[in-house]
Amino acid sequence: MNPLEAVRTALISKYAQFSGRAGRAEYWYFAGFTILVIGAATVMDEAIGHQIVGPLAVLVLLLPNVAVTVRRLHDIDRTGWWDLVNLVPVIGWLTVLVFTLQRGTSQDNRFGPVPQH
């Protein structure tokens, strides 16, 4: 999966889809896209002197980020509820980071078939 396909999948075809699986490429390409968008929005906010674009970008990207993270957790055969660990500062973030870096199961699991790459 290339970066454009990953962003298109997370933002358009699976915007709020919490079922199924997401491979590492889909997750990390979308994470990179999110960082770039929020960084650009922050720069724009600084340029105009108001906090408008950044919070709007975060709001628009929140649901697809949660959805792709849940699907990524499904790929390693973990329930999406593990995403709630992100609410615990540092330890929770590191736990989810380690989970998202792991290779997905190589066969179909309880959350669906192996994602297409």
N, C-alpha and C. Protein backbone atom coordinates (compact mmCIF):
# COMPACT_ATOMS: atom_id res chain seq x y z
N MET A 1 0.85 -1.18 0.00
CA MET A 1 0.00 0.00 0.00
C MET A 1 0.89 1.24 0.00
N ASN A 2 0.60 2.14 -0.92
CA ASN A 2 1.40 3.36 -0.97
C ASN A 2 0.75 4.44 -0.10
N PRO A 3 1.48 5.53 0.16
CA PRO A 3 0.95 6.56 1.07
C PRO A 3 -0.39 7.14 0.64
N LEU A 4 -0.57 7.37 -0.64
CA LEU A 4 -1.83 7.94 -1.12
C LEU A 4 -3.00 6.98 -0.88
N GLU A 5 -2.79 5.70 -1.15
CA GLU A 5 -3.84 4.70 -0.90
C GLU A 5 -4.18 4.63 0.58
N ALA A 6 -3.16 4.70 1.44
CA ALA A 6 -3.39 4.62 2.88
C ALA A 6 -4.23 5.80 3.37
N VAL A 7 -3.90 6.99 2.91
CA VAL A 7 -4.65 8.18 3.32
C VAL A 7 -6.07 8.11 2.77
N ARG A 8 -6.21 7.71 1.52
CA ARG A 8 -7.53 7.60 0.91
C ARG A 8 -8.39 6.56 1.66
N THR A 9 -7.78 5.44 2.02
CA THR A 9 -8.50 4.40 2.75
C THR A 9 -8.98 4.91 4.10
N ALA A 10 -8.07 5.52 4.87
CA ALA A 10 -8.41 5.97 6.23
C ALA A 10 -9.38 7.15 6.23
N LEU A 11 -9.23 8.06 5.27
CA LEU A 11 -10.07 9.26 5.27
C LEU A 11 -11.39 9.11 4.52
N ILE A 12 -11.43 8.25 3.52
CA ILE A 12 -12.64 8.19 2.69
C ILE A 12 -13.37 6.87 2.85
N SER A 13 -12.74 5.78 2.47
CA SER A 13 -13.48 4.52 2.44
C SER A 13 -13.69 3.89 3.82
N LYS A 14 -12.81 4.20 4.78
CA LYS A 14 -12.95 3.60 6.12
C LYS A 14 -12.86 4.68 7.21
N TYR A 15 -13.45 5.83 6.97
CA TYR A 15 -13.36 6.98 7.88
C TYR A 15 -13.69 6.62 9.33
N ALA A 16 -14.79 5.92 9.53
CA ALA A 16 -15.22 5.57 10.88
C ALA A 16 -15.49 4.07 11.00
N GLN A 17 -14.73 3.27 10.25
CA GLN A 17 -14.91 1.82 10.29
C GLN A 17 -13.97 1.22 11.32
N PHE A 18 -14.55 0.60 12.32
CA PHE A 18 -13.78 0.02 13.41
C PHE A 18 -13.61 -1.49 13.28
N SER A 19 -14.24 -2.07 12.29
CA SER A 19 -14.13 -3.52 12.08
C SER A 19 -13.08 -3.78 11.01
N GLY A 20 -12.55 -4.99 11.03
CA GLY A 20 -11.54 -5.36 10.06
C GLY A 20 -10.14 -5.09 10.57
N ARG A 21 -9.20 -5.13 9.65
CA ARG A 21 -7.78 -5.02 10.01
C ARG A 21 -7.09 -3.98 9.15
N ALA A 22 -6.05 -3.37 9.70
CA ALA A 22 -5.21 -2.42 8.96
C ALA A 22 -3.76 -2.84 9.12
N GLY A 23 -3.06 -2.97 8.02
CA GLY A 23 -1.65 -3.33 8.05
C GLY A 23 -0.78 -2.19 8.55
N ARG A 24 0.48 -2.51 8.78
CA ARG A 24 1.40 -1.49 9.28
C ARG A 24 1.54 -0.32 8.31
N ALA A 25 1.59 -0.62 7.01
CA ALA A 25 1.75 0.46 6.03
C ALA A 25 0.58 1.43 6.09
N GLU A 26 -0.63 0.90 6.12
CA GLU A 26 -1.80 1.78 6.18
C GLU A 26 -1.75 2.63 7.43
N TYR A 27 -1.47 2.04 8.56
CA TYR A 27 -1.45 2.77 9.82
C TYR A 27 -0.36 3.85 9.82
N TRP A 28 0.87 3.49 9.47
CA TRP A 28 1.98 4.42 9.60
C TRP A 28 1.96 5.51 8.54
N TYR A 29 1.51 5.20 7.33
CA TYR A 29 1.37 6.25 6.33
C TYR A 29 0.32 7.27 6.77
N PHE A 30 -0.78 6.77 7.35
CA PHE A 30 -1.81 7.70 7.80
C PHE A 30 -1.32 8.49 9.01
N ALA A 31 -0.55 7.86 9.89
CA ALA A 31 0.01 8.58 11.04
C ALA A 31 0.93 9.70 10.56
N GLY A 32 1.76 9.42 9.56
CA GLY A 32 2.63 10.45 9.00
C GLY A 32 1.84 11.59 8.38
N PHE A 33 0.78 11.25 7.65
CA PHE A 33 -0.09 12.25 7.06
C PHE A 33 -0.70 13.13 8.15
N THR A 34 -1.15 12.52 9.22
CA THR A 34 -1.75 13.26 10.33
C THR A 34 -0.75 14.24 10.93
N ILE A 35 0.47 13.80 11.14
CA ILE A 35 1.50 14.68 11.70
C ILE A 35 1.77 15.86 10.78
N LEU A 36 1.85 15.60 9.48
CA LEU A 36 2.08 16.68 8.52
C LEU A 36 0.93 17.68 8.50
N VAL A 37 -0.30 17.19 8.51
CA VAL A 37 -1.47 18.07 8.47
C VAL A 37 -1.55 18.93 9.73
N ILE A 38 -1.36 18.31 10.88
CA ILE A 38 -1.45 19.07 12.13
C ILE A 38 -0.27 20.06 12.24
N GLY A 39 0.90 19.66 11.76
CA GLY A 39 2.03 20.59 11.74
C GLY A 39 1.75 21.79 10.85
N ALA A 40 1.23 21.54 9.65
CA ALA A 40 0.89 22.64 8.73
C ALA A 40 -0.21 23.52 9.33
N ALA A 41 -1.18 22.91 9.97
CA ALA A 41 -2.27 23.68 10.59
C ALA A 41 -1.74 24.56 11.72
N THR A 42 -0.78 24.05 12.48
CA THR A 42 -0.18 24.83 13.55
C THR A 42 0.57 26.04 13.00
N VAL A 43 1.30 25.82 11.91
CA VAL A 43 2.02 26.92 11.27
C VAL A 43 1.03 27.97 10.78
N MET A 44 -0.08 27.53 10.18
CA MET A 44 -1.10 28.47 9.71
C MET A 44 -1.71 29.24 10.87
N ASP A 45 -1.96 28.57 11.98
CA ASP A 45 -2.49 29.25 13.16
C ASP A 45 -1.54 30.33 13.66
N GLU A 46 -0.25 30.01 13.67
CA GLU A 46 0.74 31.00 14.09
C GLU A 46 0.76 32.20 13.14
N ALA A 47 0.61 31.92 11.85
CA ALA A 47 0.65 32.99 10.85
C ALA A 47 -0.54 33.93 10.97
N ILE A 48 -1.72 33.38 11.29
CA ILE A 48 -2.91 34.24 11.38
C ILE A 48 -3.14 34.76 12.80
N GLY A 49 -2.43 34.18 13.77
CA GLY A 49 -2.54 34.67 15.13
C GLY A 49 -3.74 34.17 15.90
N HIS A 50 -4.42 33.17 15.39
CA HIS A 50 -5.58 32.57 16.08
C HIS A 50 -5.51 31.06 16.00
N GLN A 51 -6.03 30.41 17.03
CA GLN A 51 -6.07 28.95 17.06
C GLN A 51 -7.37 28.47 16.43
N ILE A 52 -7.40 28.39 15.10
CA ILE A 52 -8.60 27.98 14.38
C ILE A 52 -8.34 26.72 13.56
N VAL A 53 -7.31 26.75 12.73
CA VAL A 53 -7.05 25.67 11.79
C VAL A 53 -6.58 24.40 12.52
N GLY A 54 -5.70 24.54 13.49
CA GLY A 54 -5.18 23.39 14.24
C GLY A 54 -6.26 22.59 14.93
N PRO A 55 -7.08 23.23 15.76
CA PRO A 55 -8.15 22.47 16.42
C PRO A 55 -9.13 21.85 15.42
N LEU A 56 -9.39 22.54 14.33
CA LEU A 56 -10.28 21.99 13.30
C LEU A 56 -9.66 20.74 12.67
N ALA A 57 -8.36 20.78 12.38
CA ALA A 57 -7.66 19.62 11.81
C ALA A 57 -7.69 18.44 12.78
N VAL A 58 -7.45 18.71 14.05
CA VAL A 58 -7.49 17.65 15.06
C VAL A 58 -8.89 17.03 15.13
N LEU A 59 -9.89 17.87 15.11
CA LEU A 59 -11.27 17.39 15.17
C LEU A 59 -11.62 16.51 13.96
N VAL A 60 -11.23 16.94 12.78
CA VAL A 60 -11.54 16.19 11.55
C VAL A 60 -10.78 14.85 11.53
N LEU A 61 -9.55 14.84 12.02
CA LEU A 61 -8.71 13.64 11.95
C LEU A 61 -8.85 12.70 13.15
N LEU A 62 -9.56 13.12 14.18
CA LEU A 62 -9.68 12.30 15.39
C LEU A 62 -10.34 10.95 15.12
N LEU A 63 -11.50 10.95 14.53
CA LEU A 63 -12.24 9.70 14.30
C LEU A 63 -11.50 8.74 13.38
N PRO A 64 -10.97 9.19 12.23
CA PRO A 64 -10.23 8.23 11.41
C PRO A 64 -8.95 7.72 12.08
N ASN A 65 -8.32 8.53 12.94
CA ASN A 65 -7.15 8.05 13.67
C ASN A 65 -7.50 6.97 14.66
N VAL A 66 -8.58 7.15 15.38
CA VAL A 66 -9.02 6.12 16.32
C VAL A 66 -9.40 4.85 15.56
N ALA A 67 -10.12 5.02 14.45
CA ALA A 67 -10.56 3.86 13.66
C ALA A 67 -9.38 3.08 13.10
N VAL A 68 -8.39 3.76 12.52
CA VAL A 68 -7.25 3.05 11.94
C VAL A 68 -6.41 2.40 13.05
N THR A 69 -6.35 3.01 14.22
CA THR A 69 -5.62 2.40 15.34
C THR A 69 -6.33 1.14 15.81
N VAL A 70 -7.65 1.18 15.90
CA VAL A 70 -8.41 -0.01 16.30
C VAL A 70 -8.21 -1.13 15.27
N ARG A 71 -8.27 -0.78 13.99
CA ARG A 71 -8.05 -1.80 12.95
C ARG A 71 -6.62 -2.34 12.99
N ARG A 72 -5.66 -1.48 13.33
CA ARG A 72 -4.26 -1.92 13.45
C ARG A 72 -4.12 -2.90 14.61
N LEU A 73 -4.79 -2.61 15.72
CA LEU A 73 -4.77 -3.53 16.86
C LEU A 73 -5.42 -4.85 16.50
N HIS A 74 -6.47 -4.81 15.70
CA HIS A 74 -7.12 -6.04 15.24
C HIS A 74 -6.14 -6.87 14.42
N ASP A 75 -5.26 -6.21 13.66
CA ASP A 75 -4.31 -6.93 12.81
C ASP A 75 -3.35 -7.77 13.64
N ILE A 76 -3.05 -7.35 14.86
CA ILE A 76 -2.17 -8.15 15.73
C ILE A 76 -2.98 -9.00 16.69
N ASP A 77 -4.27 -9.15 16.38
CA ASP A 77 -5.21 -9.99 17.14
C ASP A 77 -5.42 -9.49 18.57
N ARG A 78 -5.50 -8.18 18.71
CA ARG A 78 -5.86 -7.55 19.99
C ARG A 78 -7.15 -6.78 19.80
N THR A 79 -7.93 -6.73 20.83
CA THR A 79 -9.18 -5.98 20.77
C THR A 79 -8.90 -4.48 20.65
N GLY A 80 -9.81 -3.78 20.00
CA GLY A 80 -9.66 -2.34 19.84
C GLY A 80 -9.72 -1.57 21.15
N TRP A 81 -10.25 -2.20 22.18
CA TRP A 81 -10.32 -1.53 23.48
C TRP A 81 -8.93 -1.17 24.01
N TRP A 82 -7.89 -1.83 23.51
CA TRP A 82 -6.53 -1.49 23.92
C TRP A 82 -6.18 -0.04 23.56
N ASP A 83 -6.90 0.54 22.62
CA ASP A 83 -6.64 1.93 22.25
C ASP A 83 -6.90 2.88 23.42
N LEU A 84 -7.74 2.47 24.34
CA LEU A 84 -8.01 3.31 25.52
C LEU A 84 -6.77 3.48 26.40
N VAL A 85 -5.79 2.59 26.24
CA VAL A 85 -4.55 2.72 27.00
C VAL A 85 -3.86 4.04 26.64
N ASN A 86 -4.15 4.58 25.46
CA ASN A 86 -3.59 5.87 25.06
C ASN A 86 -3.97 7.00 26.01
N LEU A 87 -4.99 6.80 26.81
CA LEU A 87 -5.40 7.83 27.77
C LEU A 87 -4.45 7.92 28.96
N VAL A 88 -3.59 6.91 29.13
CA VAL A 88 -2.60 6.92 30.21
C VAL A 88 -1.32 7.55 29.64
N PRO A 89 -0.92 8.70 30.18
CA PRO A 89 0.27 9.36 29.65
C PRO A 89 1.51 8.47 29.70
N VAL A 90 2.34 8.59 28.74
CA VAL A 90 3.63 7.95 28.54
C VAL A 90 3.54 6.42 28.48
N ILE A 91 3.19 5.76 29.57
CA ILE A 91 3.14 4.29 29.58
C ILE A 91 2.11 3.79 28.57
N GLY A 92 0.96 4.42 28.52
CA GLY A 92 -0.08 4.03 27.58
C GLY A 92 0.35 4.28 26.15
N TRP A 93 0.95 5.44 25.90
CA TRP A 93 1.41 5.79 24.56
C TRP A 93 2.46 4.80 24.08
N LEU A 94 3.40 4.47 24.97
CA LEU A 94 4.45 3.52 24.59
C LEU A 94 3.88 2.13 24.34
N THR A 95 2.89 1.73 25.11
CA THR A 95 2.27 0.42 24.92
C THR A 95 1.62 0.33 23.54
N VAL A 96 0.84 1.34 23.18
CA VAL A 96 0.19 1.33 21.87
C VAL A 96 1.23 1.44 20.76
N LEU A 97 2.28 2.21 20.97
CA LEU A 97 3.35 2.30 19.98
C LEU A 97 3.97 0.93 19.71
N VAL A 98 4.28 0.20 20.77
CA VAL A 98 4.84 -1.14 20.60
C VAL A 98 3.86 -2.05 19.86
N PHE A 99 2.59 -1.97 20.23
CA PHE A 99 1.59 -2.80 19.55
C PHE A 99 1.53 -2.47 18.06
N THR A 100 1.53 -1.19 17.71
CA THR A 100 1.39 -0.81 16.30
C THR A 100 2.63 -1.15 15.48
N LEU A 101 3.76 -1.32 16.13
CA LEU A 101 4.98 -1.69 15.42
C LEU A 101 5.06 -3.19 15.14
N GLN A 102 4.27 -3.99 15.84
CA GLN A 102 4.34 -5.44 15.68
C GLN A 102 3.78 -5.88 14.33
N ARG A 103 4.31 -6.98 13.85
CA ARG A 103 3.82 -7.58 12.62
C ARG A 103 2.45 -8.19 12.89
N GLY A 104 1.53 -8.02 11.95
CA GLY A 104 0.19 -8.59 12.09
C GLY A 104 0.23 -10.10 11.96
N THR A 105 -0.86 -10.74 12.36
CA THR A 105 -0.94 -12.19 12.20
C THR A 105 -0.92 -12.53 10.72
N SER A 106 -0.24 -13.59 10.36
CA SER A 106 -0.05 -13.94 8.95
C SER A 106 -1.25 -14.67 8.35
N GLN A 107 -2.20 -15.03 9.19
CA GLN A 107 -3.40 -15.72 8.71
C GLN A 107 -4.62 -14.95 9.17
N ASP A 108 -5.78 -15.34 8.65
CA ASP A 108 -7.02 -14.74 9.11
C ASP A 108 -7.12 -14.90 10.61
N ASN A 109 -7.65 -13.88 11.28
CA ASN A 109 -7.86 -14.00 12.72
C ASN A 109 -9.32 -13.66 13.02
N ARG A 110 -9.68 -13.53 14.28
CA ARG A 110 -11.08 -13.32 14.66
C ARG A 110 -11.63 -11.98 14.17
N PHE A 111 -10.76 -11.09 13.71
CA PHE A 111 -11.19 -9.78 13.25
C PHE A 111 -11.30 -9.69 11.73
N GLY A 112 -10.88 -10.73 11.04
CA GLY A 112 -11.04 -10.73 9.59
C GLY A 112 -9.83 -11.27 8.86
N PRO A 113 -9.89 -11.18 7.53
CA PRO A 113 -8.78 -11.69 6.72
C PRO A 113 -7.56 -10.77 6.78
N VAL A 114 -6.46 -11.29 6.33
CA VAL A 114 -5.20 -10.53 6.28
C VAL A 114 -5.43 -9.32 5.36
N PRO A 115 -5.05 -8.10 5.79
CA PRO A 115 -5.27 -6.92 4.94
C PRO A 115 -4.47 -6.99 3.66
N GLN A 116 -5.06 -6.43 2.60
CA GLN A 116 -4.36 -6.35 1.31
C GLN A 116 -3.31 -5.26 1.38
N HIS A 117 -2.18 -5.50 0.81
CA HIS A 117 -1.10 -4.49 0.83
C HIS A 117 -0.90 -3.90 -0.51
